[in-house]
Amino acid sequence: RASCGSTEPCRGHVYPVWDVAACPHGSYLVSGGSDRTARLWSTEHARPLRIYAGHQSDVDTVAWHPNSQYVATGSSDRTIRLWDVGTGACARLMSAASGCATCLAFSPDGRQLAAGADDGSVAVYDLGTARRVALLEGHQGPVWCAAYSRGSGSLLATGGADRTLRLYSMPPCDNILDAINAELAAAAAGDPAAADAAAAAAA
């Protein structure tokens, strides 16, 4: 069986690939490309395991949710989508505040998603409601990268084409990543009771 590696490239996209992100848990990758799709890969296979289709233009940026059960995609169609990794269903559809999404970053607790845009703004979305809860401004050009601080996620760092790095103060989020990891570990060990308890702690 062919695996995805240096001797056997992963093939599936029919146009250029713009972004790729590694899964926080396990040997999986997600990619986005000019063919308007995102694709799920395993390092054990040279072909995609699943295709996430629905965008009307290039998928420019991709990111994994901290619990590894969802991936987010940002597109030149000015929308951001949240996909269920297992089923391939679109769980959330969010309209970009302005411009096209150029980078994505999840808060440590997985409840918010920050999306940098080509107009210099950064929109922050509540994933429970799919609504924008903040619009951060300051960059004088496209925002190319974004990252939350670890733990409480009280800082959001962004970098832009204007050659600046900006730090935004964010409301501290619930640090439930340990509970999420416990839920995944319990599920992998086949312990439904422990998984349910961890899920309740993370809710």
N, C-alpha and C. Protein backbone atom coordinates (compact mmCIF):
# COMPACT_ATOMS: atom_id res chain seq x y z
N ARG A 1 0.85 -1.19 0.00
CA ARG A 1 0.00 0.00 0.00
C ARG A 1 0.88 1.24 0.00
N ALA A 2 0.61 2.14 -0.90
CA ALA A 2 1.41 3.36 -0.99
C ALA A 2 1.08 4.30 0.16
N SER A 3 2.11 4.88 0.75
CA SER A 3 1.93 5.88 1.80
C SER A 3 2.35 7.22 1.26
N CYS A 4 1.96 8.26 2.01
CA CYS A 4 2.27 9.62 1.59
C CYS A 4 3.61 10.02 2.17
N GLY A 5 4.62 10.16 1.33
CA GLY A 5 5.94 10.49 1.83
C GLY A 5 6.81 11.07 0.75
N SER A 6 8.12 11.04 0.98
CA SER A 6 9.05 11.67 0.06
C SER A 6 9.11 10.94 -1.28
N THR A 7 8.85 9.61 -1.27
CA THR A 7 8.93 8.84 -2.51
C THR A 7 7.59 8.72 -3.21
N GLU A 8 6.51 9.00 -2.48
CA GLU A 8 5.17 8.89 -3.07
C GLU A 8 4.36 10.12 -2.68
N PRO A 9 4.28 11.14 -3.54
CA PRO A 9 3.53 12.35 -3.18
C PRO A 9 2.05 12.07 -3.02
N CYS A 10 1.41 12.87 -2.19
CA CYS A 10 -0.04 12.77 -2.00
C CYS A 10 -0.72 13.47 -3.17
N ARG A 11 -1.53 12.74 -3.90
CA ARG A 11 -2.20 13.31 -5.07
C ARG A 11 -3.71 13.27 -4.88
N GLY A 12 -4.37 14.36 -5.28
CA GLY A 12 -5.82 14.44 -5.15
C GLY A 12 -6.35 15.77 -5.63
N HIS A 13 -5.70 16.86 -5.24
CA HIS A 13 -6.09 18.18 -5.73
C HIS A 13 -5.81 18.27 -7.24
N VAL A 14 -6.68 18.96 -7.94
CA VAL A 14 -6.50 19.09 -9.39
C VAL A 14 -5.92 20.45 -9.79
N TYR A 15 -5.79 21.36 -8.81
CA TYR A 15 -5.15 22.64 -9.03
C TYR A 15 -4.21 22.91 -7.84
N PRO A 16 -3.47 24.02 -7.83
CA PRO A 16 -2.47 24.23 -6.77
C PRO A 16 -3.03 24.15 -5.35
N VAL A 17 -2.19 23.68 -4.44
CA VAL A 17 -2.51 23.60 -3.01
C VAL A 17 -1.98 24.87 -2.33
N TRP A 18 -2.85 25.54 -1.60
CA TRP A 18 -2.47 26.82 -0.98
C TRP A 18 -2.09 26.70 0.49
N ASP A 19 -2.60 25.70 1.17
CA ASP A 19 -2.31 25.61 2.61
C ASP A 19 -2.46 24.17 3.07
N VAL A 20 -1.76 23.83 4.14
CA VAL A 20 -1.85 22.51 4.75
C VAL A 20 -1.65 22.66 6.25
N ALA A 21 -2.35 21.84 7.03
CA ALA A 21 -2.23 21.90 8.49
C ALA A 21 -2.24 20.48 9.05
N ALA A 22 -1.42 20.25 10.08
CA ALA A 22 -1.32 18.94 10.71
C ALA A 22 -2.30 18.82 11.86
N CYS A 23 -2.88 17.64 12.00
CA CYS A 23 -3.84 17.36 13.07
C CYS A 23 -3.13 17.37 14.43
N PRO A 24 -3.75 17.98 15.46
CA PRO A 24 -3.13 17.97 16.79
C PRO A 24 -3.00 16.56 17.37
N HIS A 25 -3.87 15.64 16.94
CA HIS A 25 -3.84 14.27 17.44
C HIS A 25 -3.84 13.32 16.25
N GLY A 26 -2.86 12.48 16.13
CA GLY A 26 -2.85 11.50 15.06
C GLY A 26 -2.12 11.97 13.82
N SER A 27 -1.95 11.05 12.89
CA SER A 27 -1.16 11.30 11.68
C SER A 27 -2.04 11.72 10.51
N TYR A 28 -2.78 12.82 10.70
CA TYR A 28 -3.67 13.32 9.67
C TYR A 28 -3.28 14.74 9.27
N LEU A 29 -3.63 15.10 8.06
CA LEU A 29 -3.39 16.43 7.52
C LEU A 29 -4.66 16.90 6.83
N VAL A 30 -4.82 18.21 6.73
CA VAL A 30 -5.88 18.78 5.90
C VAL A 30 -5.23 19.81 4.99
N SER A 31 -5.68 19.85 3.74
CA SER A 31 -5.13 20.79 2.77
C SER A 31 -6.26 21.55 2.10
N GLY A 32 -5.92 22.73 1.60
CA GLY A 32 -6.89 23.54 0.85
C GLY A 32 -6.26 24.00 -0.44
N GLY A 33 -7.07 24.10 -1.49
CA GLY A 33 -6.48 24.43 -2.78
C GLY A 33 -7.33 25.25 -3.70
N SER A 34 -6.77 25.49 -4.87
CA SER A 34 -7.41 26.30 -5.89
C SER A 34 -8.59 25.59 -6.54
N ASP A 35 -8.75 24.30 -6.27
CA ASP A 35 -9.88 23.55 -6.84
C ASP A 35 -11.15 23.69 -5.99
N ARG A 36 -11.13 24.62 -5.04
CA ARG A 36 -12.29 24.96 -4.20
C ARG A 36 -12.62 23.91 -3.15
N THR A 37 -11.70 23.01 -2.89
CA THR A 37 -11.94 21.96 -1.90
C THR A 37 -10.86 21.96 -0.83
N ALA A 38 -11.22 21.34 0.30
CA ALA A 38 -10.24 20.93 1.31
C ALA A 38 -10.25 19.41 1.33
N ARG A 39 -9.11 18.83 1.66
CA ARG A 39 -9.01 17.38 1.62
C ARG A 39 -8.30 16.85 2.87
N LEU A 40 -8.83 15.74 3.36
CA LEU A 40 -8.27 15.07 4.53
C LEU A 40 -7.34 13.96 4.08
N TRP A 41 -6.14 13.91 4.71
CA TRP A 41 -5.13 12.93 4.36
C TRP A 41 -4.65 12.19 5.60
N SER A 42 -4.15 10.99 5.39
CA SER A 42 -3.41 10.25 6.39
C SER A 42 -2.01 10.02 5.84
N THR A 43 -1.02 10.02 6.73
CA THR A 43 0.34 9.75 6.27
C THR A 43 0.50 8.31 5.80
N GLU A 44 -0.53 7.49 6.04
CA GLU A 44 -0.48 6.09 5.62
C GLU A 44 -1.04 5.88 4.22
N HIS A 45 -1.61 6.94 3.63
CA HIS A 45 -2.25 6.79 2.32
C HIS A 45 -1.79 7.91 1.39
N ALA A 46 -1.68 7.61 0.12
CA ALA A 46 -1.26 8.60 -0.86
C ALA A 46 -2.44 9.31 -1.51
N ARG A 47 -3.66 8.90 -1.15
CA ARG A 47 -4.87 9.52 -1.69
C ARG A 47 -5.70 10.10 -0.55
N PRO A 48 -6.50 11.13 -0.83
CA PRO A 48 -7.28 11.74 0.25
C PRO A 48 -8.33 10.78 0.80
N LEU A 49 -8.56 10.88 2.12
CA LEU A 49 -9.58 10.08 2.77
C LEU A 49 -10.97 10.69 2.64
N ARG A 50 -11.02 12.01 2.55
CA ARG A 50 -12.31 12.71 2.46
C ARG A 50 -12.11 14.04 1.76
N ILE A 51 -13.15 14.48 1.07
CA ILE A 51 -13.13 15.78 0.38
C ILE A 51 -14.21 16.66 0.99
N TYR A 52 -13.85 17.89 1.34
CA TYR A 52 -14.80 18.86 1.88
C TYR A 52 -15.09 19.89 0.79
N ALA A 53 -16.26 19.80 0.21
CA ALA A 53 -16.62 20.64 -0.94
C ALA A 53 -17.82 21.51 -0.60
N GLY A 54 -17.80 22.73 -1.10
CA GLY A 54 -18.89 23.67 -0.84
C GLY A 54 -18.51 25.10 -1.11
N HIS A 55 -17.23 25.42 -1.00
CA HIS A 55 -16.77 26.77 -1.31
C HIS A 55 -16.92 27.05 -2.81
N GLN A 56 -17.11 28.32 -3.13
CA GLN A 56 -17.30 28.74 -4.52
C GLN A 56 -16.04 29.34 -5.13
N SER A 57 -14.95 29.32 -4.38
CA SER A 57 -13.67 29.82 -4.89
C SER A 57 -12.56 29.12 -4.12
N ASP A 58 -11.32 29.54 -4.37
CA ASP A 58 -10.16 28.89 -3.76
C ASP A 58 -10.30 28.75 -2.25
N VAL A 59 -9.85 27.62 -1.72
CA VAL A 59 -9.69 27.46 -0.27
C VAL A 59 -8.27 27.89 0.06
N ASP A 60 -8.15 29.05 0.68
CA ASP A 60 -6.84 29.69 0.86
C ASP A 60 -6.16 29.33 2.18
N THR A 61 -6.95 28.96 3.18
CA THR A 61 -6.37 28.71 4.50
C THR A 61 -7.18 27.64 5.22
N VAL A 62 -6.50 26.83 6.01
CA VAL A 62 -7.14 25.74 6.74
C VAL A 62 -6.58 25.68 8.16
N ALA A 63 -7.38 25.14 9.09
CA ALA A 63 -6.92 25.01 10.48
C ALA A 63 -7.71 23.90 11.15
N TRP A 64 -7.05 23.20 12.09
CA TRP A 64 -7.69 22.15 12.88
C TRP A 64 -8.24 22.72 14.17
N HIS A 65 -9.43 22.27 14.55
CA HIS A 65 -9.97 22.55 15.87
C HIS A 65 -9.12 21.82 16.91
N PRO A 66 -8.98 22.37 18.13
CA PRO A 66 -8.14 21.71 19.14
C PRO A 66 -8.54 20.27 19.46
N ASN A 67 -9.82 19.92 19.28
CA ASN A 67 -10.22 18.55 19.59
C ASN A 67 -10.08 17.60 18.40
N SER A 68 -9.61 18.11 17.28
CA SER A 68 -9.33 17.32 16.07
C SER A 68 -10.59 16.77 15.40
N GLN A 69 -11.76 17.15 15.86
CA GLN A 69 -12.99 16.65 15.27
C GLN A 69 -13.55 17.57 14.19
N TYR A 70 -12.97 18.75 14.06
CA TYR A 70 -13.42 19.72 13.07
C TYR A 70 -12.22 20.38 12.40
N VAL A 71 -12.44 20.82 11.17
CA VAL A 71 -11.45 21.66 10.49
C VAL A 71 -12.17 22.90 9.97
N ALA A 72 -11.46 24.01 9.97
CA ALA A 72 -12.00 25.27 9.44
C ALA A 72 -11.31 25.59 8.13
N THR A 73 -12.06 26.19 7.22
CA THR A 73 -11.52 26.59 5.92
C THR A 73 -11.94 28.02 5.62
N GLY A 74 -11.01 28.80 5.07
CA GLY A 74 -11.31 30.16 4.63
C GLY A 74 -11.10 30.26 3.14
N SER A 75 -12.00 30.96 2.46
CA SER A 75 -12.00 30.95 1.00
C SER A 75 -12.07 32.35 0.41
N SER A 76 -11.63 32.43 -0.85
CA SER A 76 -11.76 33.67 -1.60
C SER A 76 -13.22 34.00 -1.91
N ASP A 77 -14.15 33.10 -1.60
CA ASP A 77 -15.57 33.40 -1.78
C ASP A 77 -16.13 34.21 -0.61
N ARG A 78 -15.21 34.62 0.30
CA ARG A 78 -15.55 35.46 1.46
C ARG A 78 -16.41 34.73 2.49
N THR A 79 -16.24 33.42 2.57
CA THR A 79 -16.89 32.65 3.62
C THR A 79 -15.86 31.82 4.36
N ILE A 80 -16.24 31.44 5.57
CA ILE A 80 -15.45 30.55 6.41
C ILE A 80 -16.37 29.39 6.80
N ARG A 81 -15.87 28.18 6.64
CA ARG A 81 -16.68 27.00 6.94
C ARG A 81 -15.99 26.14 8.00
N LEU A 82 -16.83 25.54 8.83
CA LEU A 82 -16.37 24.58 9.83
C LEU A 82 -16.93 23.22 9.42
N TRP A 83 -16.03 22.24 9.25
CA TRP A 83 -16.41 20.93 8.74
C TRP A 83 -16.25 19.86 9.82
N ASP A 84 -17.21 18.94 9.85
CA ASP A 84 -17.09 17.75 10.68
C ASP A 84 -16.12 16.80 9.98
N VAL A 85 -15.01 16.49 10.64
CA VAL A 85 -13.98 15.68 9.99
C VAL A 85 -14.50 14.31 9.60
N GLY A 86 -15.28 13.70 10.49
CA GLY A 86 -15.73 12.34 10.25
C GLY A 86 -16.79 12.19 9.18
N THR A 87 -17.77 13.10 9.17
CA THR A 87 -18.88 12.97 8.24
C THR A 87 -18.71 13.79 6.97
N GLY A 88 -17.86 14.81 7.03
CA GLY A 88 -17.69 15.70 5.88
C GLY A 88 -18.75 16.77 5.77
N ALA A 89 -19.65 16.83 6.76
CA ALA A 89 -20.73 17.82 6.73
C ALA A 89 -20.21 19.19 7.15
N CYS A 90 -20.79 20.24 6.57
CA CYS A 90 -20.47 21.60 6.97
C CYS A 90 -21.28 21.93 8.22
N ALA A 91 -20.58 22.11 9.35
CA ALA A 91 -21.25 22.34 10.62
C ALA A 91 -21.56 23.82 10.87
N ARG A 92 -20.76 24.71 10.31
CA ARG A 92 -20.97 26.15 10.46
C ARG A 92 -20.56 26.85 9.17
N LEU A 93 -21.31 27.89 8.82
CA LEU A 93 -20.99 28.73 7.68
C LEU A 93 -21.00 30.18 8.15
N MET A 94 -19.88 30.87 8.00
CA MET A 94 -19.75 32.24 8.47
C MET A 94 -19.31 33.14 7.33
N SER A 95 -19.91 34.29 7.22
CA SER A 95 -19.53 35.26 6.20
C SER A 95 -18.38 36.11 6.72
N ALA A 96 -17.38 36.30 5.88
CA ALA A 96 -16.25 37.13 6.26
C ALA A 96 -16.72 38.55 6.51
N ALA A 97 -16.13 39.19 7.51
CA ALA A 97 -16.54 40.55 7.86
C ALA A 97 -16.30 41.50 6.69
N SER A 98 -15.14 41.39 6.11
CA SER A 98 -14.78 42.19 4.94
C SER A 98 -13.52 41.57 4.36
N GLY A 99 -13.43 41.56 3.07
CA GLY A 99 -12.27 40.92 2.45
C GLY A 99 -12.37 39.41 2.51
N CYS A 100 -11.29 38.75 2.11
CA CYS A 100 -11.21 37.29 2.08
C CYS A 100 -10.31 36.80 3.20
N ALA A 101 -10.67 35.67 3.79
CA ALA A 101 -9.88 35.11 4.88
C ALA A 101 -8.51 34.67 4.37
N THR A 102 -7.46 35.08 5.07
CA THR A 102 -6.10 34.73 4.69
C THR A 102 -5.41 33.84 5.72
N CYS A 103 -5.95 33.76 6.93
CA CYS A 103 -5.40 32.88 7.96
C CYS A 103 -6.47 32.62 9.00
N LEU A 104 -6.33 31.50 9.71
CA LEU A 104 -7.31 31.10 10.72
C LEU A 104 -6.58 30.64 11.97
N ALA A 105 -7.20 30.89 13.14
CA ALA A 105 -6.64 30.41 14.40
C ALA A 105 -7.77 30.17 15.39
N PHE A 106 -7.78 28.98 16.00
CA PHE A 106 -8.76 28.66 17.03
C PHE A 106 -8.25 29.10 18.39
N SER A 107 -9.16 29.55 19.25
CA SER A 107 -8.81 29.81 20.64
C SER A 107 -8.48 28.47 21.31
N PRO A 108 -7.70 28.49 22.41
CA PRO A 108 -7.31 27.23 23.04
C PRO A 108 -8.47 26.35 23.47
N ASP A 109 -9.61 26.95 23.85
CA ASP A 109 -10.76 26.13 24.25
C ASP A 109 -11.62 25.71 23.08
N GLY A 110 -11.27 26.17 21.86
CA GLY A 110 -12.00 25.75 20.67
C GLY A 110 -13.35 26.41 20.47
N ARG A 111 -13.66 27.42 21.26
CA ARG A 111 -14.98 28.04 21.16
C ARG A 111 -15.01 29.26 20.25
N GLN A 112 -13.84 29.79 19.93
CA GLN A 112 -13.78 30.95 19.04
C GLN A 112 -12.79 30.69 17.91
N LEU A 113 -13.03 31.38 16.80
CA LEU A 113 -12.15 31.28 15.64
C LEU A 113 -11.81 32.68 15.16
N ALA A 114 -10.51 32.96 15.06
CA ALA A 114 -10.06 34.24 14.53
C ALA A 114 -9.68 34.07 13.07
N ALA A 115 -10.11 35.01 12.25
CA ALA A 115 -9.85 34.95 10.80
C ALA A 115 -9.24 36.26 10.34
N GLY A 116 -7.96 36.22 9.94
CA GLY A 116 -7.33 37.38 9.34
C GLY A 116 -7.80 37.54 7.91
N ALA A 117 -7.80 38.77 7.41
CA ALA A 117 -8.32 39.04 6.07
C ALA A 117 -7.35 39.88 5.25
N ASP A 118 -7.61 39.89 3.95
CA ASP A 118 -6.71 40.62 3.04
C ASP A 118 -6.89 42.12 3.12
N ASP A 119 -7.88 42.60 3.86
CA ASP A 119 -8.06 44.05 4.03
C ASP A 119 -7.42 44.56 5.32
N GLY A 120 -6.72 43.68 6.05
CA GLY A 120 -6.04 44.10 7.27
C GLY A 120 -6.83 43.89 8.55
N SER A 121 -8.05 43.41 8.46
CA SER A 121 -8.87 43.19 9.65
C SER A 121 -8.75 41.75 10.14
N VAL A 122 -9.16 41.54 11.40
CA VAL A 122 -9.22 40.21 11.98
C VAL A 122 -10.60 40.06 12.62
N ALA A 123 -11.39 39.14 12.13
CA ALA A 123 -12.71 38.89 12.68
C ALA A 123 -12.64 37.71 13.64
N VAL A 124 -13.37 37.82 14.75
CA VAL A 124 -13.42 36.74 15.74
C VAL A 124 -14.86 36.24 15.80
N TYR A 125 -15.03 34.93 15.65
CA TYR A 125 -16.35 34.32 15.60
C TYR A 125 -16.57 33.41 16.80
N ASP A 126 -17.79 33.43 17.32
CA ASP A 126 -18.24 32.47 18.31
C ASP A 126 -18.76 31.26 17.56
N LEU A 127 -18.14 30.10 17.76
CA LEU A 127 -18.53 28.93 16.98
C LEU A 127 -19.85 28.32 17.44
N GLY A 128 -20.28 28.65 18.64
CA GLY A 128 -21.58 28.16 19.10
C GLY A 128 -22.72 28.79 18.34
N THR A 129 -22.57 30.06 17.97
CA THR A 129 -23.64 30.79 17.28
C THR A 129 -23.29 31.11 15.83
N ALA A 130 -22.01 30.93 15.45
CA ALA A 130 -21.51 31.29 14.12
C ALA A 130 -21.60 32.79 13.86
N ARG A 131 -21.61 33.59 14.94
CA ARG A 131 -21.70 35.04 14.80
C ARG A 131 -20.36 35.69 15.11
N ARG A 132 -20.11 36.81 14.45
CA ARG A 132 -18.91 37.58 14.72
C ARG A 132 -19.07 38.32 16.03
N VAL A 133 -18.08 38.19 16.92
CA VAL A 133 -18.15 38.83 18.22
C VAL A 133 -17.14 39.96 18.36
N ALA A 134 -16.20 40.07 17.42
CA ALA A 134 -15.21 41.14 17.47
C ALA A 134 -14.63 41.36 16.08
N LEU A 135 -14.26 42.61 15.81
CA LEU A 135 -13.55 42.96 14.58
C LEU A 135 -12.34 43.79 14.99
N LEU A 136 -11.15 43.23 14.81
CA LEU A 136 -9.91 43.86 15.23
C LEU A 136 -9.25 44.51 14.03
N GLU A 137 -8.82 45.75 14.20
CA GLU A 137 -8.23 46.49 13.10
C GLU A 137 -6.87 47.05 13.50
N GLY A 138 -6.11 47.49 12.52
CA GLY A 138 -4.80 48.07 12.80
C GLY A 138 -3.80 47.81 11.70
N HIS A 139 -3.82 46.62 11.11
CA HIS A 139 -2.89 46.31 10.03
C HIS A 139 -3.21 47.15 8.79
N GLN A 140 -2.17 47.50 8.07
CA GLN A 140 -2.32 48.31 6.86
C GLN A 140 -2.14 47.47 5.60
N GLY A 141 -2.51 46.24 5.67
CA GLY A 141 -2.41 45.33 4.54
C GLY A 141 -2.88 43.96 4.97
N PRO A 142 -2.79 42.96 4.10
CA PRO A 142 -3.28 41.62 4.44
C PRO A 142 -2.66 41.07 5.72
N VAL A 143 -3.47 40.34 6.47
CA VAL A 143 -3.00 39.65 7.67
C VAL A 143 -2.67 38.22 7.26
N TRP A 144 -1.41 37.83 7.37
CA TRP A 144 -0.97 36.54 6.84
C TRP A 144 -0.93 35.43 7.88
N CYS A 145 -0.89 35.77 9.16
CA CYS A 145 -0.79 34.72 10.18
C CYS A 145 -1.39 35.20 11.49
N ALA A 146 -1.88 34.25 12.28
CA ALA A 146 -2.49 34.57 13.56
C ALA A 146 -2.33 33.39 14.51
N ALA A 147 -2.19 33.68 15.80
CA ALA A 147 -2.03 32.63 16.81
C ALA A 147 -2.48 33.14 18.16
N TYR A 148 -3.22 32.30 18.90
CA TYR A 148 -3.60 32.61 20.28
C TYR A 148 -2.48 32.18 21.22
N SER A 149 -2.35 32.90 22.34
CA SER A 149 -1.43 32.45 23.38
C SER A 149 -1.99 31.18 24.02
N ARG A 150 -1.09 30.36 24.54
CA ARG A 150 -1.51 29.11 25.15
C ARG A 150 -2.18 29.37 26.49
N GLY A 151 -2.89 28.36 26.99
CA GLY A 151 -3.57 28.51 28.27
C GLY A 151 -4.88 29.24 28.11
N SER A 152 -4.95 30.45 28.64
CA SER A 152 -6.21 31.19 28.63
C SER A 152 -6.52 31.85 27.30
N GLY A 153 -5.53 31.91 26.40
CA GLY A 153 -5.77 32.56 25.11
C GLY A 153 -6.04 34.04 25.24
N SER A 154 -5.43 34.68 26.23
CA SER A 154 -5.72 36.09 26.51
C SER A 154 -5.05 37.05 25.53
N LEU A 155 -4.16 36.53 24.69
CA LEU A 155 -3.53 37.34 23.66
C LEU A 155 -3.71 36.68 22.30
N LEU A 156 -4.00 37.50 21.30
CA LEU A 156 -4.05 37.04 19.91
C LEU A 156 -2.97 37.80 19.15
N ALA A 157 -2.02 37.08 18.59
CA ALA A 157 -0.93 37.69 17.83
C ALA A 157 -1.22 37.54 16.34
N THR A 158 -0.96 38.62 15.60
CA THR A 158 -1.15 38.60 14.15
C THR A 158 0.05 39.22 13.46
N GLY A 159 0.34 38.74 12.26
CA GLY A 159 1.42 39.30 11.46
C GLY A 159 0.91 39.66 10.09
N GLY A 160 1.38 40.78 9.54
CA GLY A 160 0.81 41.25 8.28
C GLY A 160 1.83 41.68 7.25
N ALA A 161 1.30 41.98 6.07
CA ALA A 161 2.14 42.45 4.97
C ALA A 161 2.73 43.83 5.25
N ASP A 162 2.21 44.51 6.26
CA ASP A 162 2.74 45.83 6.62
C ASP A 162 4.00 45.74 7.48
N ARG A 163 4.54 44.51 7.61
CA ARG A 163 5.79 44.26 8.32
C ARG A 163 5.66 44.47 9.83
N THR A 164 4.44 44.31 10.35
CA THR A 164 4.23 44.48 11.79
C THR A 164 3.62 43.22 12.39
N LEU A 165 3.89 43.06 13.67
CA LEU A 165 3.25 42.05 14.51
C LEU A 165 2.39 42.79 15.51
N ARG A 166 1.14 42.39 15.63
CA ARG A 166 0.24 43.07 16.56
C ARG A 166 -0.28 42.08 17.59
N LEU A 167 -0.42 42.57 18.84
CA LEU A 167 -0.95 41.77 19.94
C LEU A 167 -2.27 42.38 20.39
N TYR A 168 -3.31 41.58 20.38
CA TYR A 168 -4.64 42.02 20.80
C TYR A 168 -5.01 41.32 22.10
N SER A 169 -5.51 42.08 23.07
CA SER A 169 -5.99 41.49 24.32
C SER A 169 -7.36 40.87 24.07
N MET A 170 -7.51 39.62 24.50
CA MET A 170 -8.75 38.90 24.31
C MET A 170 -9.31 38.49 25.66
N PRO A 171 -10.63 38.36 25.78
CA PRO A 171 -11.19 37.85 27.03
C PRO A 171 -10.66 36.45 27.30
N PRO A 172 -10.17 36.18 28.52
CA PRO A 172 -9.66 34.84 28.80
C PRO A 172 -10.73 33.79 28.53
N CYS A 173 -10.33 32.72 27.89
CA CYS A 173 -11.28 31.66 27.58
C CYS A 173 -11.13 30.53 28.59
N ASP A 174 -12.13 29.68 28.64
CA ASP A 174 -12.07 28.52 29.51
C ASP A 174 -11.01 27.57 28.99
N ASN A 175 -10.09 27.20 29.86
CA ASN A 175 -9.02 26.30 29.42
C ASN A 175 -9.50 24.86 29.55
N ILE A 176 -10.22 24.39 28.53
CA ILE A 176 -10.81 23.05 28.59
C ILE A 176 -10.05 22.07 27.72
N LEU A 177 -8.86 22.45 27.25
CA LEU A 177 -8.15 21.55 26.35
C LEU A 177 -7.78 20.24 27.04
N ASP A 178 -7.45 20.30 28.35
CA ASP A 178 -7.15 19.06 29.05
C ASP A 178 -8.36 18.14 29.08
N ALA A 179 -9.54 18.72 29.26
CA ALA A 179 -10.76 17.91 29.26
C ALA A 179 -11.03 17.32 27.88
N ILE A 180 -10.77 18.11 26.84
CA ILE A 180 -10.94 17.61 25.48
C ILE A 180 -9.99 16.44 25.23
N ASN A 181 -8.73 16.59 25.66
CA ASN A 181 -7.76 15.52 25.47
C ASN A 181 -8.16 14.28 26.25
N ALA A 182 -8.71 14.47 27.46
CA ALA A 182 -9.16 13.33 28.26
C ALA A 182 -10.31 12.61 27.59
N GLU A 183 -11.20 13.38 26.98
CA GLU A 183 -12.32 12.78 26.25
C GLU A 183 -11.82 11.93 25.09
N LEU A 184 -10.85 12.45 24.34
CA LEU A 184 -10.31 11.69 23.20
C LEU A 184 -9.60 10.43 23.67
N ALA A 185 -8.84 10.55 24.77
CA ALA A 185 -8.10 9.39 25.27
C ALA A 185 -9.06 8.31 25.78
N ALA A 186 -10.13 8.73 26.47
CA ALA A 186 -11.09 7.76 26.98
C ALA A 186 -11.83 7.06 25.86
N ALA A 187 -12.17 7.83 24.83
CA ALA A 187 -12.86 7.24 23.68
C ALA A 187 -11.96 6.24 22.98
N ALA A 188 -10.67 6.59 22.83
CA ALA A 188 -9.73 5.69 22.17
C ALA A 188 -9.53 4.42 22.97
N ALA A 189 -9.65 4.52 24.33
CA ALA A 189 -9.46 3.36 25.19
C ALA A 189 -10.74 2.54 25.32
N GLY A 190 -11.82 3.01 24.70
CA GLY A 190 -13.07 2.26 24.75
C GLY A 190 -13.76 2.33 26.09
N ASP A 191 -13.65 3.47 26.78
CA ASP A 191 -14.28 3.66 28.09
C ASP A 191 -15.39 4.70 27.96
N PRO A 192 -16.62 4.29 27.61
CA PRO A 192 -17.72 5.26 27.38
C PRO A 192 -18.00 6.13 28.59
N ALA A 193 -17.94 5.55 29.81
CA ALA A 193 -18.26 6.32 31.00
C ALA A 193 -17.26 7.44 31.21
N ALA A 194 -15.97 7.12 31.05
CA ALA A 194 -14.94 8.15 31.21
C ALA A 194 -15.05 9.19 30.13
N ALA A 195 -15.37 8.77 28.91
CA ALA A 195 -15.52 9.72 27.81
C ALA A 195 -16.67 10.66 28.07
N ASP A 196 -17.79 10.13 28.61
CA ASP A 196 -18.95 10.97 28.92
C ASP A 196 -18.62 11.97 30.00
N ALA A 197 -17.88 11.54 31.01
CA ALA A 197 -17.51 12.43 32.10
C ALA A 197 -16.60 13.55 31.61
N ALA A 198 -15.65 13.21 30.73
CA ALA A 198 -14.75 14.22 30.19
C ALA A 198 -15.51 15.18 29.30
N ALA A 199 -16.47 14.67 28.53
CA ALA A 199 -17.27 15.53 27.66
C ALA A 199 -18.09 16.50 28.49
N ALA A 200 -18.63 16.05 29.62
CA ALA A 200 -19.41 16.93 30.49
C ALA A 200 -18.54 18.03 31.07
N ALA A 201 -17.29 17.69 31.42
CA ALA A 201 -16.37 18.69 31.95
C ALA A 201 -16.00 19.72 30.91
N ALA A 202 -15.98 19.32 29.63
CA ALA A 202 -15.60 20.23 28.56
C ALA A 202 -16.76 21.05 28.07
N ALA A 203 -17.99 20.71 28.45
CA ALA A 203 -19.17 21.40 27.93
C ALA A 203 -19.31 22.78 28.54
